[in-house]
Amino acid sequence: MSAEREIMLKASLSSGRFQTFLGMELLAHNAEQGSVEIKLPWRDDFERGPGTGQWHGGAIAALIDIAGDFALIALLGRGVPTIDLRIDYLRPAIRTDLIATARTLRSGKSIGSVDIEVRDKNGKVVAVGRGSYSTLEPKSGSMI
């Protein structure tokens, strides 16, 4: 199942236009635990302000949300919409690739909770987040 789930996760990550624009890469996953590790490479497009070299918080927020979503996708085998997202920015990330590690805390009948940690290339934590996602089974014809 793990190899099949990896193929599905990579296909899903590379099929979304926003994820493709961002250039995200699945580094690791554990379907049984509902966890993923996703890399977001640095690009000047993500710079907060001209000449700062600092990541814009919006790009970091997108990484956190998508990593949380994919942790539950790894566990459930299907997409889930975001209900709530909380982010704490702990330090600036400057001209560095970022790696998000997302771990499912709970996957209930209607809501799943995921903790996400974002580190720079030196392993320093730059942001943490917690996401809540709808785990309801999609109705026939529904997009979720």
N, C-alpha and C. Protein backbone atom coordinates (compact mmCIF):
# COMPACT_ATOMS: atom_id res chain seq x y z
N MET A 1 0.82 -1.19 0.00
CA MET A 1 0.00 0.00 0.00
C MET A 1 0.87 1.26 0.00
N SER A 2 1.99 1.22 0.65
CA SER A 2 2.83 2.41 0.79
C SER A 2 3.33 2.91 -0.56
N ALA A 3 3.73 1.99 -1.44
CA ALA A 3 4.21 2.40 -2.77
C ALA A 3 3.07 3.01 -3.58
N GLU A 4 1.87 2.39 -3.50
CA GLU A 4 0.72 2.93 -4.21
C GLU A 4 0.34 4.30 -3.67
N ARG A 5 0.39 4.45 -2.34
CA ARG A 5 0.04 5.73 -1.72
C ARG A 5 1.06 6.81 -2.11
N GLU A 6 2.34 6.42 -2.21
CA GLU A 6 3.36 7.38 -2.62
C GLU A 6 3.11 7.88 -4.05
N ILE A 7 2.76 6.97 -4.93
CA ILE A 7 2.46 7.34 -6.31
C ILE A 7 1.27 8.31 -6.33
N MET A 8 0.22 8.00 -5.56
CA MET A 8 -0.97 8.85 -5.50
C MET A 8 -0.62 10.22 -4.92
N LEU A 9 0.18 10.27 -3.86
CA LEU A 9 0.56 11.54 -3.23
C LEU A 9 1.38 12.41 -4.19
N LYS A 10 2.35 11.80 -4.85
CA LYS A 10 3.18 12.55 -5.79
C LYS A 10 2.35 13.06 -6.96
N ALA A 11 1.45 12.22 -7.46
CA ALA A 11 0.59 12.64 -8.57
C ALA A 11 -0.32 13.78 -8.15
N SER A 12 -0.86 13.68 -6.97
CA SER A 12 -1.75 14.72 -6.47
C SER A 12 -1.00 16.03 -6.24
N LEU A 13 0.21 15.94 -5.69
CA LEU A 13 1.01 17.13 -5.43
C LEU A 13 1.43 17.81 -6.73
N SER A 14 1.70 17.02 -7.75
CA SER A 14 2.17 17.60 -9.02
C SER A 14 1.02 17.97 -9.97
N SER A 15 -0.21 17.58 -9.64
CA SER A 15 -1.32 17.89 -10.53
C SER A 15 -2.01 19.21 -10.20
N GLY A 16 -1.87 19.66 -8.98
CA GLY A 16 -2.48 20.93 -8.62
C GLY A 16 -1.68 22.09 -9.17
N ARG A 17 -2.34 23.02 -9.83
CA ARG A 17 -1.63 24.14 -10.47
C ARG A 17 -0.88 25.00 -9.45
N PHE A 18 -1.49 25.21 -8.27
CA PHE A 18 -0.83 26.04 -7.27
C PHE A 18 0.41 25.34 -6.73
N GLN A 19 0.30 24.05 -6.40
CA GLN A 19 1.46 23.30 -5.92
C GLN A 19 2.56 23.24 -6.98
N THR A 20 2.16 23.10 -8.23
CA THR A 20 3.13 23.07 -9.32
C THR A 20 3.84 24.42 -9.43
N PHE A 21 3.07 25.51 -9.32
CA PHE A 21 3.67 26.85 -9.34
C PHE A 21 4.68 27.00 -8.20
N LEU A 22 4.32 26.52 -7.02
CA LEU A 22 5.21 26.64 -5.87
C LEU A 22 6.46 25.76 -6.02
N GLY A 23 6.34 24.64 -6.71
CA GLY A 23 7.48 23.74 -6.91
C GLY A 23 7.72 22.79 -5.76
N MET A 24 6.65 22.39 -5.09
CA MET A 24 6.77 21.50 -3.93
C MET A 24 7.20 20.10 -4.34
N GLU A 25 7.87 19.44 -3.40
CA GLU A 25 8.36 18.08 -3.64
C GLU A 25 8.10 17.22 -2.41
N LEU A 26 7.47 16.06 -2.61
CA LEU A 26 7.25 15.11 -1.53
C LEU A 26 8.56 14.40 -1.24
N LEU A 27 9.06 14.53 0.00
CA LEU A 27 10.31 13.88 0.38
C LEU A 27 10.08 12.56 1.09
N ALA A 28 9.02 12.48 1.89
CA ALA A 28 8.74 11.26 2.65
C ALA A 28 7.27 11.23 3.04
N HIS A 29 6.78 10.04 3.32
CA HIS A 29 5.42 9.90 3.83
C HIS A 29 5.30 8.61 4.63
N ASN A 30 4.31 8.57 5.51
CA ASN A 30 3.98 7.36 6.24
C ASN A 30 2.46 7.28 6.27
N ALA A 31 1.90 6.41 5.45
CA ALA A 31 0.45 6.31 5.32
C ALA A 31 -0.21 5.83 6.61
N GLU A 32 0.44 4.94 7.32
CA GLU A 32 -0.15 4.40 8.55
C GLU A 32 -0.23 5.46 9.64
N GLN A 33 0.76 6.34 9.72
CA GLN A 33 0.77 7.39 10.74
C GLN A 33 0.15 8.69 10.25
N GLY A 34 -0.05 8.81 8.97
CA GLY A 34 -0.60 10.05 8.42
C GLY A 34 0.40 11.18 8.55
N SER A 35 1.59 10.97 8.00
CA SER A 35 2.61 12.02 8.07
C SER A 35 3.29 12.17 6.70
N VAL A 36 3.76 13.39 6.47
CA VAL A 36 4.48 13.69 5.24
C VAL A 36 5.60 14.68 5.53
N GLU A 37 6.54 14.70 4.60
CA GLU A 37 7.60 15.71 4.61
C GLU A 37 7.64 16.30 3.21
N ILE A 38 7.46 17.61 3.11
CA ILE A 38 7.38 18.29 1.82
C ILE A 38 8.39 19.43 1.79
N LYS A 39 9.12 19.51 0.68
CA LYS A 39 10.12 20.55 0.48
C LYS A 39 9.57 21.64 -0.42
N LEU A 40 9.87 22.89 -0.04
CA LEU A 40 9.55 24.04 -0.89
C LEU A 40 10.85 24.79 -1.13
N PRO A 41 11.40 24.70 -2.35
CA PRO A 41 12.67 25.35 -2.65
C PRO A 41 12.53 26.88 -2.69
N TRP A 42 13.60 27.56 -2.26
CA TRP A 42 13.64 29.03 -2.29
C TRP A 42 13.64 29.53 -3.73
N ARG A 43 12.85 30.57 -3.97
CA ARG A 43 12.87 31.32 -5.23
C ARG A 43 12.71 32.79 -4.88
N ASP A 44 13.28 33.64 -5.68
CA ASP A 44 13.15 35.08 -5.46
C ASP A 44 11.68 35.52 -5.48
N ASP A 45 10.82 34.76 -6.16
CA ASP A 45 9.39 35.08 -6.20
C ASP A 45 8.76 35.07 -4.81
N PHE A 46 9.39 34.38 -3.85
CA PHE A 46 8.83 34.25 -2.51
C PHE A 46 9.36 35.30 -1.54
N GLU A 47 10.15 36.25 -2.04
CA GLU A 47 10.77 37.25 -1.18
C GLU A 47 9.74 38.22 -0.60
N ARG A 48 9.83 38.45 0.70
CA ARG A 48 8.91 39.33 1.42
C ARG A 48 8.99 40.77 0.93
N GLY A 49 10.19 41.27 0.79
CA GLY A 49 10.40 42.63 0.31
C GLY A 49 11.69 42.70 -0.49
N PRO A 50 11.78 43.59 -1.46
CA PRO A 50 12.97 43.66 -2.31
C PRO A 50 14.26 43.79 -1.50
N GLY A 51 15.19 42.90 -1.79
CA GLY A 51 16.50 42.93 -1.16
C GLY A 51 16.59 42.31 0.22
N THR A 52 15.48 41.83 0.77
CA THR A 52 15.52 41.25 2.13
C THR A 52 15.98 39.80 2.13
N GLY A 53 15.65 39.07 1.07
CA GLY A 53 15.95 37.64 1.04
C GLY A 53 15.08 36.85 1.99
N GLN A 54 14.12 37.50 2.64
CA GLN A 54 13.26 36.82 3.62
C GLN A 54 12.02 36.23 2.92
N TRP A 55 11.65 35.06 3.38
CA TRP A 55 10.44 34.41 2.88
C TRP A 55 9.22 35.24 3.25
N HIS A 56 8.29 35.35 2.33
CA HIS A 56 6.99 35.96 2.60
C HIS A 56 6.16 34.96 3.42
N GLY A 57 5.46 35.46 4.42
CA GLY A 57 4.65 34.60 5.27
C GLY A 57 3.56 33.86 4.53
N GLY A 58 3.07 34.44 3.45
CA GLY A 58 2.03 33.77 2.67
C GLY A 58 2.51 32.48 2.02
N ALA A 59 3.74 32.49 1.53
CA ALA A 59 4.31 31.27 0.94
C ALA A 59 4.51 30.20 2.01
N ILE A 60 4.95 30.63 3.19
CA ILE A 60 5.13 29.68 4.30
C ILE A 60 3.77 29.13 4.73
N ALA A 61 2.75 29.99 4.78
CA ALA A 61 1.40 29.55 5.14
C ALA A 61 0.88 28.52 4.14
N ALA A 62 1.13 28.75 2.86
CA ALA A 62 0.70 27.79 1.84
C ALA A 62 1.38 26.44 2.04
N LEU A 63 2.67 26.46 2.35
CA LEU A 63 3.40 25.21 2.62
C LEU A 63 2.79 24.49 3.81
N ILE A 64 2.51 25.22 4.87
CA ILE A 64 1.93 24.62 6.08
C ILE A 64 0.57 24.00 5.77
N ASP A 65 -0.29 24.73 5.08
CA ASP A 65 -1.62 24.23 4.77
C ASP A 65 -1.56 22.99 3.89
N ILE A 66 -0.77 23.04 2.85
CA ILE A 66 -0.69 21.91 1.91
C ILE A 66 -0.06 20.69 2.59
N ALA A 67 0.97 20.89 3.40
CA ALA A 67 1.58 19.76 4.11
C ALA A 67 0.57 19.12 5.06
N GLY A 68 -0.21 19.94 5.77
CA GLY A 68 -1.24 19.39 6.66
C GLY A 68 -2.27 18.59 5.90
N ASP A 69 -2.71 19.14 4.80
CA ASP A 69 -3.67 18.46 3.93
C ASP A 69 -3.11 17.11 3.47
N PHE A 70 -1.86 17.11 3.04
CA PHE A 70 -1.27 15.88 2.51
C PHE A 70 -0.98 14.83 3.58
N ALA A 71 -0.82 15.26 4.82
CA ALA A 71 -0.69 14.27 5.90
C ALA A 71 -1.97 13.46 6.02
N LEU A 72 -3.11 14.14 5.92
CA LEU A 72 -4.38 13.42 5.97
C LEU A 72 -4.65 12.65 4.69
N ILE A 73 -4.23 13.19 3.56
CA ILE A 73 -4.36 12.44 2.30
C ILE A 73 -3.56 11.14 2.39
N ALA A 74 -2.38 11.19 2.97
CA ALA A 74 -1.56 9.98 3.13
C ALA A 74 -2.31 8.93 3.95
N LEU A 75 -3.02 9.40 4.98
CA LEU A 75 -3.75 8.49 5.86
C LEU A 75 -5.05 7.99 5.23
N LEU A 76 -5.83 8.91 4.64
CA LEU A 76 -7.17 8.58 4.16
C LEU A 76 -7.24 8.16 2.70
N GLY A 77 -6.26 8.58 1.91
CA GLY A 77 -6.25 8.24 0.50
C GLY A 77 -7.12 9.12 -0.37
N ARG A 78 -7.54 10.27 0.16
CA ARG A 78 -8.36 11.22 -0.60
C ARG A 78 -8.14 12.62 -0.06
N GLY A 79 -8.48 13.60 -0.89
CA GLY A 79 -8.32 14.99 -0.51
C GLY A 79 -9.28 15.42 0.58
N VAL A 80 -8.87 16.41 1.35
CA VAL A 80 -9.70 16.95 2.42
C VAL A 80 -9.58 18.48 2.41
N PRO A 81 -10.70 19.20 2.59
CA PRO A 81 -10.64 20.65 2.61
C PRO A 81 -10.24 21.20 3.98
N THR A 82 -9.59 22.34 3.96
CA THR A 82 -9.17 23.01 5.19
C THR A 82 -10.37 23.68 5.85
N ILE A 83 -10.45 23.51 7.17
CA ILE A 83 -11.48 24.19 7.97
C ILE A 83 -10.85 25.37 8.70
N ASP A 84 -9.68 25.15 9.29
CA ASP A 84 -9.04 26.19 10.10
C ASP A 84 -7.53 26.00 10.03
N LEU A 85 -6.81 27.10 10.11
CA LEU A 85 -5.35 27.04 10.05
C LEU A 85 -4.78 28.07 11.01
N ARG A 86 -3.88 27.63 11.86
CA ARG A 86 -3.21 28.51 12.83
C ARG A 86 -1.72 28.43 12.59
N ILE A 87 -1.05 29.59 12.51
CA ILE A 87 0.38 29.61 12.22
C ILE A 87 1.09 30.54 13.19
N ASP A 88 2.24 30.08 13.67
CA ASP A 88 3.15 30.93 14.45
C ASP A 88 4.46 31.01 13.67
N TYR A 89 4.86 32.23 13.34
CA TYR A 89 6.13 32.47 12.67
C TYR A 89 7.17 32.73 13.77
N LEU A 90 8.21 31.92 13.82
CA LEU A 90 9.15 31.97 14.93
C LEU A 90 10.43 32.74 14.64
N ARG A 91 10.88 32.72 13.39
CA ARG A 91 12.08 33.46 12.99
C ARG A 91 12.06 33.61 11.48
N PRO A 92 12.75 34.63 10.98
CA PRO A 92 12.80 34.80 9.53
C PRO A 92 13.55 33.64 8.86
N ALA A 93 13.06 33.26 7.73
CA ALA A 93 13.77 32.29 6.88
C ALA A 93 14.36 33.10 5.74
N ILE A 94 15.69 33.00 5.56
CA ILE A 94 16.37 33.84 4.58
C ILE A 94 17.06 32.97 3.54
N ARG A 95 16.65 33.16 2.28
CA ARG A 95 17.25 32.47 1.12
C ARG A 95 17.59 31.01 1.42
N THR A 96 16.61 30.25 1.83
CA THR A 96 16.81 28.86 2.18
C THR A 96 15.63 28.04 1.69
N ASP A 97 15.88 26.80 1.34
CA ASP A 97 14.78 25.89 1.08
C ASP A 97 14.08 25.63 2.42
N LEU A 98 12.79 25.31 2.35
CA LEU A 98 12.04 25.00 3.56
C LEU A 98 11.50 23.57 3.47
N ILE A 99 11.47 22.91 4.62
CA ILE A 99 10.93 21.56 4.69
C ILE A 99 9.86 21.53 5.77
N ALA A 100 8.65 21.13 5.37
CA ALA A 100 7.54 21.00 6.31
C ALA A 100 7.35 19.54 6.66
N THR A 101 7.25 19.28 7.96
CA THR A 101 6.93 17.95 8.46
C THR A 101 5.55 18.03 9.09
N ALA A 102 4.62 17.26 8.57
CA ALA A 102 3.24 17.27 9.05
C ALA A 102 2.88 15.92 9.62
N ARG A 103 2.27 15.95 10.83
CA ARG A 103 1.88 14.72 11.53
C ARG A 103 0.41 14.80 11.93
N THR A 104 -0.36 13.81 11.53
CA THR A 104 -1.76 13.75 11.92
C THR A 104 -1.87 13.46 13.40
N LEU A 105 -2.60 14.32 14.10
CA LEU A 105 -2.86 14.11 15.53
C LEU A 105 -4.10 13.27 15.74
N ARG A 106 -5.12 13.55 14.91
CA ARG A 106 -6.38 12.83 15.02
C ARG A 106 -7.10 12.90 13.69
N SER A 107 -7.70 11.80 13.32
CA SER A 107 -8.53 11.76 12.13
C SER A 107 -9.86 11.14 12.53
N GLY A 108 -10.83 12.01 12.85
CA GLY A 108 -12.14 11.55 13.27
C GLY A 108 -13.10 11.41 12.11
N LYS A 109 -14.39 11.18 12.44
CA LYS A 109 -15.41 11.01 11.40
C LYS A 109 -15.67 12.28 10.61
N SER A 110 -15.47 13.45 11.26
CA SER A 110 -15.77 14.69 10.55
C SER A 110 -14.61 15.68 10.51
N ILE A 111 -13.67 15.59 11.46
CA ILE A 111 -12.56 16.55 11.50
C ILE A 111 -11.25 15.82 11.78
N GLY A 112 -10.21 16.26 11.07
CA GLY A 112 -8.85 15.77 11.33
C GLY A 112 -7.99 16.95 11.76
N SER A 113 -7.05 16.69 12.67
CA SER A 113 -6.13 17.72 13.15
C SER A 113 -4.70 17.30 12.85
N VAL A 114 -3.91 18.27 12.36
CA VAL A 114 -2.54 17.99 11.96
C VAL A 114 -1.63 19.08 12.51
N ASP A 115 -0.48 18.68 13.06
CA ASP A 115 0.57 19.62 13.45
C ASP A 115 1.62 19.66 12.35
N ILE A 116 2.10 20.87 12.05
CA ILE A 116 3.07 21.06 10.98
C ILE A 116 4.23 21.90 11.50
N GLU A 117 5.43 21.47 11.20
CA GLU A 117 6.65 22.20 11.59
C GLU A 117 7.44 22.50 10.33
N VAL A 118 7.90 23.74 10.19
CA VAL A 118 8.68 24.14 9.02
C VAL A 118 10.10 24.48 9.47
N ARG A 119 11.07 23.84 8.83
CA ARG A 119 12.48 24.07 9.15
C ARG A 119 13.22 24.59 7.93
N ASP A 120 14.30 25.34 8.19
CA ASP A 120 15.16 25.80 7.10
C ASP A 120 16.18 24.71 6.79
N LYS A 121 17.09 24.97 5.83
CA LYS A 121 18.06 23.94 5.42
C LYS A 121 19.05 23.58 6.52
N ASN A 122 19.15 24.44 7.56
CA ASN A 122 20.04 24.15 8.69
C ASN A 122 19.31 23.45 9.84
N GLY A 123 18.03 23.16 9.65
CA GLY A 123 17.26 22.46 10.67
C GLY A 123 16.61 23.36 11.71
N LYS A 124 16.72 24.68 11.56
CA LYS A 124 16.09 25.60 12.51
C LYS A 124 14.60 25.71 12.21
N VAL A 125 13.79 25.66 13.25
CA VAL A 125 12.35 25.80 13.08
C VAL A 125 12.03 27.27 12.82
N VAL A 126 11.37 27.53 11.69
CA VAL A 126 11.01 28.91 11.34
C VAL A 126 9.53 29.19 11.55
N ALA A 127 8.70 28.15 11.54
CA ALA A 127 7.26 28.34 11.75
C ALA A 127 6.64 27.00 12.15
N VAL A 128 5.54 27.11 12.87
CA VAL A 128 4.76 25.93 13.23
C VAL A 128 3.30 26.25 12.94
N GLY A 129 2.53 25.22 12.67
CA GLY A 129 1.12 25.42 12.41
C GLY A 129 0.30 24.24 12.87
N ARG A 130 -0.99 24.48 12.99
CA ARG A 130 -1.94 23.41 13.26
C ARG A 130 -3.12 23.64 12.33
N GLY A 131 -3.48 22.59 11.61
CA GLY A 131 -4.60 22.68 10.69
C GLY A 131 -5.71 21.74 11.07
N SER A 132 -6.93 22.18 10.81
CA SER A 132 -8.11 21.33 10.95
C SER A 132 -8.69 21.15 9.56
N TYR A 133 -9.06 19.93 9.24
CA TYR A 133 -9.53 19.59 7.91
C TYR A 133 -10.78 18.73 8.02
N SER A 134 -11.70 18.87 7.07
CA SER A 134 -12.91 18.06 7.06
C SER A 134 -12.57 16.66 6.56
N THR A 135 -12.91 15.66 7.36
CA THR A 135 -12.66 14.27 6.96
C THR A 135 -13.95 13.57 6.55
N LEU A 136 -15.03 14.34 6.43
CA LEU A 136 -16.29 13.75 6.01
C LEU A 136 -16.14 13.08 4.64
N GLU A 137 -16.77 11.96 4.49
CA GLU A 137 -16.75 11.28 3.19
C GLU A 137 -17.48 12.16 2.18
N PRO A 138 -16.90 12.34 0.99
CA PRO A 138 -17.56 13.18 -0.01
C PRO A 138 -18.84 12.52 -0.50
N LYS A 139 -19.83 13.36 -0.79
CA LYS A 139 -21.08 12.87 -1.37
C LYS A 139 -20.84 12.63 -2.85
N SER A 140 -21.62 11.80 -3.45
CA SER A 140 -21.48 11.50 -4.87
C SER A 140 -21.58 12.79 -5.69
N GLY A 141 -20.60 13.00 -6.58
CA GLY A 141 -20.58 14.19 -7.41
C GLY A 141 -19.90 15.38 -6.77
N SER A 142 -19.51 15.25 -5.51
CA SER A 142 -18.86 16.35 -4.79
C SER A 142 -17.40 16.41 -5.14
N MET A 143 -16.82 17.61 -5.04
CA MET A 143 -15.40 17.78 -5.34
C MET A 143 -14.50 17.40 -4.15
N ILE A 144 -15.06 17.30 -2.94
CA ILE A 144 -14.23 16.94 -1.78
C ILE A 144 -14.43 15.52 -1.38
